[in-house]
Amino acid sequence: MQAATQPTIKLFVFPRMFEIPNLSPFCCKMETWLRMAQVPYQVVETRDPRVAPRKKLPFIEDGGVRIADSSLIIDHLSRTRAVDLDAGLSPLQRATATLVKRTLEEHYAFVLAYTHLLSDEGSKYTRARFDAVPAFIRPLVERAVRKNVKSLLWYQGLLRGSHDEILAKALDDWRAVLAFMSEGPFFFGDQATSTDAVVFGTLAPTVLTPIDTPIRAFLLSQPKVLAYAERLRARFFPELAPERQAAERPQQLQASA
């Protein structure tokens, strides 16, 4: 069956915040990959990951079948839609891609949960994700979610270190990743690969939101990092680019007047 005749998949993700695809690095990665691969999809926003097959977001529904885990989703869609963003990678680049993915998804993603969902600086911005909850139970829900995140990060091991230790390890993550980033428009050069979806998925919530952290400050001090993040946002999510937002704002104000 050709990709053109296949059903449009449904992508279940957290509601969008800020001018990025998603605050969740895995939801951001998944939607970025879909746009890179030009696979048609429909976003379904949900605040409750308990509806997901593995109780985590994102997941997709493809022809009535639900598939969870961004890596498994990409494997499934690569096979069923005959898409391989990594076809041109050398064996060394494929090995590098695995190391970058492990670094960002199996360590740094937990740091993002800490800085953006638990810290005072992050919480004052991300508390808005509870706005849809009725006011009389909102504090209870917020405390329960924070407790769950804390428990996850404790058992994962991150919270067993001090604040400074957590940040230092996160900076080590990014120094390692940036050591392999090319000077081209994409991570490995002239062509977008699945690694770009992984890197942008974690970079966008870090540097393209107002949440200020020492990690963000470090990344913004690296000349090519912000340019890379802005370039991928403008190319794959032009509706979220600052220029588009600024141009549309006066029209929206006129329409509401």
Protein backbone atom coordinates (compact mmCIF):
# COMPACT_ATOMS: atom_id res chain seq x y z
CA MET A 1 0.00 0.00 0.00
CA GLN A 2 1.37 3.41 -0.92
CA ALA A 3 1.76 6.10 1.76
CA ALA A 4 -0.70 8.34 -0.12
CA THR A 5 -3.52 5.82 0.38
CA GLN A 6 -2.82 5.25 4.06
CA PRO A 7 -4.96 6.95 6.71
CA THR A 8 -3.85 10.17 8.35
CA ILE A 9 -2.51 9.24 11.75
CA LYS A 10 -3.67 10.84 14.98
CA LEU A 11 -0.85 12.16 17.18
CA PHE A 12 -1.73 12.42 20.87
CA VAL A 13 0.39 15.01 22.69
CA PHE A 14 0.26 17.45 25.58
CA PRO A 15 -1.36 20.83 24.78
CA ARG A 16 1.05 23.27 23.15
CA MET A 17 2.76 25.89 25.30
CA PHE A 18 4.99 28.77 24.21
CA GLU A 19 6.08 29.16 20.57
CA ILE A 20 7.42 25.62 20.20
CA PRO A 21 5.81 22.37 19.03
CA ASN A 22 5.60 20.97 22.56
CA LEU A 23 7.15 21.41 26.00
CA SER A 24 7.61 17.64 26.22
CA PRO A 25 10.85 16.73 24.41
CA PHE A 26 9.34 13.46 23.21
CA CYS A 27 6.15 15.07 21.89
CA CYS A 28 8.26 17.81 20.28
CA LYS A 29 10.55 15.22 18.73
CA MET A 30 7.65 13.18 17.36
CA GLU A 31 5.86 16.07 15.68
CA THR A 32 9.17 17.36 14.29
CA TRP A 33 9.93 13.94 12.79
CA LEU A 34 6.47 13.79 11.19
CA ARG A 35 7.02 17.13 9.50
CA MET A 36 10.52 16.19 8.38
CA ALA A 37 9.21 12.93 6.95
CA GLN A 38 6.15 14.65 5.45
CA VAL A 39 3.80 12.10 7.00
CA PRO A 40 0.25 13.52 7.28
CA TYR A 41 -1.03 13.70 10.84
CA GLN A 42 -3.70 15.21 13.04
CA VAL A 43 -2.86 16.51 16.51
CA VAL A 44 -5.05 15.43 19.41
CA GLU A 45 -4.19 17.35 22.58
CA THR A 46 -4.66 15.66 25.93
CA ARG A 47 -3.54 16.59 29.43
CA ASP A 48 -3.91 13.06 30.77
CA PRO A 49 -1.17 10.58 29.79
CA ARG A 50 -3.15 7.83 31.49
CA VAL A 51 -5.16 7.48 28.26
CA ALA A 52 -1.98 6.33 26.48
CA PRO A 53 -1.13 2.64 25.98
CA ARG A 54 1.98 3.00 28.17
CA LYS A 55 0.60 5.86 30.28
CA LYS A 56 3.01 8.26 28.56
CA LEU A 57 2.78 10.74 25.71
CA PRO A 58 3.13 10.84 22.78
CA PHE A 59 1.31 7.99 21.14
CA ILE A 60 -0.35 7.62 17.75
CA GLU A 61 -3.44 5.99 16.37
CA ASP A 62 -2.84 4.54 12.92
CA GLY A 63 -5.77 2.81 11.27
CA GLY A 64 -7.33 2.10 14.65
CA VAL A 65 -4.10 0.73 16.14
CA ARG A 66 -2.50 2.65 19.00
CA ILE A 67 1.30 2.73 19.23
CA ALA A 68 3.26 4.31 22.09
CA ASP A 69 6.89 5.40 22.56
CA SER A 70 8.34 7.89 20.10
CA SER A 71 11.11 5.54 18.98
CA LEU A 72 8.68 2.68 18.31
CA ILE A 73 6.34 5.07 16.52
CA ILE A 74 9.16 6.21 14.23
CA ASP A 75 10.14 2.60 13.53
CA HIS A 76 6.52 1.79 12.65
CA LEU A 77 6.03 4.80 10.39
CA SER A 78 9.40 4.38 8.70
CA ARG A 79 8.36 0.84 7.79
CA THR A 80 4.73 1.45 6.83
CA ARG A 81 5.32 4.77 5.02
CA ALA A 82 8.62 3.76 3.44
CA VAL A 83 10.46 6.71 4.99
CA ASP A 84 14.09 6.59 6.10
CA LEU A 85 15.47 9.95 7.17
CA ASP A 86 18.77 8.27 8.06
CA ALA A 87 19.40 6.50 4.77
CA GLY A 88 22.41 8.66 3.95
CA LEU A 89 24.21 8.27 7.27
CA SER A 90 27.54 6.47 7.51
CA PRO A 91 28.09 3.73 10.12
CA LEU A 92 30.01 6.23 12.27
CA GLN A 93 27.19 8.77 12.02
CA ARG A 94 24.64 6.11 12.94
CA ALA A 95 26.70 5.25 16.02
CA THR A 96 26.93 8.94 16.89
CA ALA A 97 23.17 9.30 16.45
CA THR A 98 22.61 6.52 18.98
CA LEU A 99 24.91 8.16 21.53
CA VAL A 100 23.25 11.56 21.06
CA LYS A 101 19.80 10.01 21.44
CA ARG A 102 20.77 8.14 24.61
CA THR A 103 22.34 11.27 26.12
CA LEU A 104 19.38 13.54 25.48
CA GLU A 105 16.51 11.11 25.97
CA GLU A 106 17.78 8.95 28.80
CA HIS A 107 19.40 11.67 30.89
CA TYR A 108 18.83 15.24 29.79
CA ALA A 109 15.06 14.77 29.32
CA PHE A 110 14.82 14.13 33.07
CA VAL A 111 16.74 17.34 33.73
CA LEU A 112 14.14 19.20 31.64
CA ALA A 113 11.39 17.78 33.84
CA TYR A 114 13.32 19.05 36.86
CA THR A 115 14.04 22.56 35.54
CA HIS A 116 10.70 23.14 33.83
CA LEU A 117 8.18 21.33 36.04
CA LEU A 118 9.66 21.25 39.54
CA SER A 119 11.91 24.29 39.96
CA ASP A 120 10.38 27.60 41.07
CA GLU A 121 11.65 29.33 37.91
CA GLY A 122 10.08 26.74 35.63
CA SER A 123 6.86 26.29 37.58
CA LYS A 124 5.89 29.94 37.38
CA TYR A 125 5.69 29.53 33.59
CA THR A 126 4.43 25.97 33.27
CA ARG A 127 1.74 26.24 35.96
CA ALA A 128 -0.54 27.44 33.16
CA ARG A 129 -0.90 23.83 32.02
CA PHE A 130 -3.37 23.42 34.90
CA ASP A 131 -5.58 26.34 33.84
CA ALA A 132 -8.16 24.03 32.29
CA VAL A 133 -8.65 22.25 35.64
CA PRO A 134 -11.59 23.60 37.69
CA ALA A 135 -10.30 26.18 40.16
CA PHE A 136 -11.57 24.43 43.27
CA ILE A 137 -9.46 21.31 42.65
CA ARG A 138 -6.59 22.92 40.75
CA PRO A 139 -4.18 23.12 43.74
CA LEU A 140 -4.84 19.47 44.57
CA VAL A 141 -4.18 18.34 40.99
CA GLU A 142 -1.04 20.47 40.74
CA ARG A 143 0.37 19.02 43.98
CA ALA A 144 -0.42 15.48 42.83
CA VAL A 145 1.32 15.98 39.48
CA ARG A 146 4.38 17.55 41.12
CA LYS A 147 4.51 14.65 43.57
CA ASN A 148 4.44 12.16 40.69
CA VAL A 149 7.23 13.99 38.85
CA LYS A 150 9.33 14.11 42.02
CA SER A 151 8.80 10.41 42.60
CA LEU A 152 9.79 9.61 39.01
CA LEU A 153 12.97 11.67 39.23
CA TRP A 154 13.87 10.20 42.62
CA TYR A 155 13.58 6.61 41.45
CA GLN A 156 15.34 7.47 38.20
CA GLY A 157 18.15 8.86 40.36
CA LEU A 158 18.32 12.50 39.27
CA LEU A 159 16.96 13.98 42.51
CA ARG A 160 19.51 12.06 44.58
CA GLY A 161 22.05 14.66 43.47
CA SER A 162 22.21 18.32 44.51
CA HIS A 163 20.85 21.14 42.36
CA ASP A 164 24.37 22.09 41.28
CA GLU A 165 25.23 18.48 40.46
CA ILE A 166 22.12 18.14 38.29
CA LEU A 167 22.97 21.28 36.33
CA ALA A 168 26.63 20.30 35.95
CA LYS A 169 25.69 16.93 34.46
CA ALA A 170 23.22 18.60 32.09
CA LEU A 171 25.96 20.93 30.85
CA ASP A 172 28.16 17.87 30.29
CA ASP A 173 25.35 16.37 28.19
CA TRP A 174 25.21 19.37 25.91
CA ARG A 175 28.98 19.78 25.62
CA ALA A 176 29.16 16.18 24.43
CA VAL A 177 26.31 16.60 21.94
CA LEU A 178 27.60 19.89 20.54
CA ALA A 179 31.03 18.36 19.97
CA PHE A 180 29.46 16.26 17.19
CA MET A 181 27.22 18.94 15.65
CA SER A 182 28.27 19.97 12.15
CA GLU A 183 28.53 23.53 10.86
CA GLY A 184 25.85 22.75 8.28
CA PRO A 185 22.16 23.59 8.52
CA PHE A 186 21.44 20.24 10.18
CA PHE A 187 23.15 18.14 12.81
CA PHE A 188 25.06 15.95 10.34
CA GLY A 189 25.33 18.48 7.53
CA ASP A 190 23.05 19.33 4.63
CA GLN A 191 20.24 16.80 5.19
CA ALA A 192 17.75 16.53 8.04
CA THR A 193 17.85 13.22 9.90
CA SER A 194 16.03 11.71 12.85
CA THR A 195 18.82 13.07 15.05
CA ASP A 196 17.63 16.58 14.25
CA ALA A 197 14.19 15.65 15.59
CA VAL A 198 15.82 14.39 18.81
CA VAL A 199 18.09 17.42 19.22
CA PHE A 200 15.43 19.99 18.35
CA GLY A 201 12.96 18.15 20.59
CA THR A 202 15.14 18.82 23.63
CA LEU A 203 16.70 22.09 22.49
CA ALA A 204 13.44 23.92 21.75
CA PRO A 205 12.03 23.60 25.30
CA THR A 206 15.43 24.66 26.65
CA VAL A 207 16.25 27.76 24.61
CA LEU A 208 13.02 28.82 22.86
CA THR A 209 10.97 29.32 26.03
CA PRO A 210 11.26 32.07 28.67
CA ILE A 211 12.32 29.60 31.37
CA ASP A 212 15.76 30.84 32.41
CA THR A 213 18.33 28.32 33.62
CA PRO A 214 22.14 28.09 33.63
CA ILE A 215 21.73 25.44 30.92
CA ARG A 216 19.84 27.90 28.71
CA ALA A 217 22.46 30.57 29.38
CA PHE A 218 25.25 28.18 28.37
CA LEU A 219 23.51 27.12 25.16
CA LEU A 220 22.75 30.71 24.19
CA SER A 221 26.45 31.47 24.59
CA GLN A 222 27.19 28.98 21.80
CA PRO A 223 26.74 30.93 18.53
CA LYS A 224 25.46 28.06 16.41
CA VAL A 225 22.95 26.70 18.92
CA LEU A 226 20.28 29.41 18.83
CA ALA A 227 20.70 29.72 15.04
CA TYR A 228 20.14 25.97 14.70
CA ALA A 229 17.02 26.01 16.90
CA GLU A 230 15.55 29.04 15.13
CA ARG A 231 16.37 27.57 11.72
CA LEU A 232 14.57 24.29 12.41
CA ARG A 233 11.57 26.06 13.92
CA ALA A 234 11.29 28.38 10.92
CA ARG A 235 11.66 25.53 8.42
CA PHE A 236 9.40 22.90 9.96
CA PHE A 237 7.07 25.03 12.11
CA PRO A 238 6.85 28.34 10.24
CA GLU A 239 3.57 29.17 11.99
CA LEU A 240 5.51 29.37 15.27
CA ALA A 241 8.36 31.54 14.01
CA PRO A 242 8.51 34.97 15.71
CA GLU A 243 8.20 36.76 12.36
CA ARG A 244 4.95 34.93 11.55
CA GLN A 245 3.59 35.52 15.05
CA ALA A 246 4.38 39.25 14.86
CA ALA A 247 2.76 39.56 11.42
CA GLU A 248 -0.43 37.76 12.47
CA ARG A 249 -0.91 39.59 15.78
CA PRO A 250 -2.21 42.91 14.28
CA GLN A 251 -4.64 40.96 12.08
CA GLN A 252 -5.92 39.05 15.11
CA LEU A 253 -6.41 42.30 17.03
CA GLN A 254 -8.34 43.84 14.12
CA ALA A 255 -10.55 40.76 13.86
CA SER A 256 -11.41 40.91 17.55
CA ALA A 257 -12.04 44.67 17.54
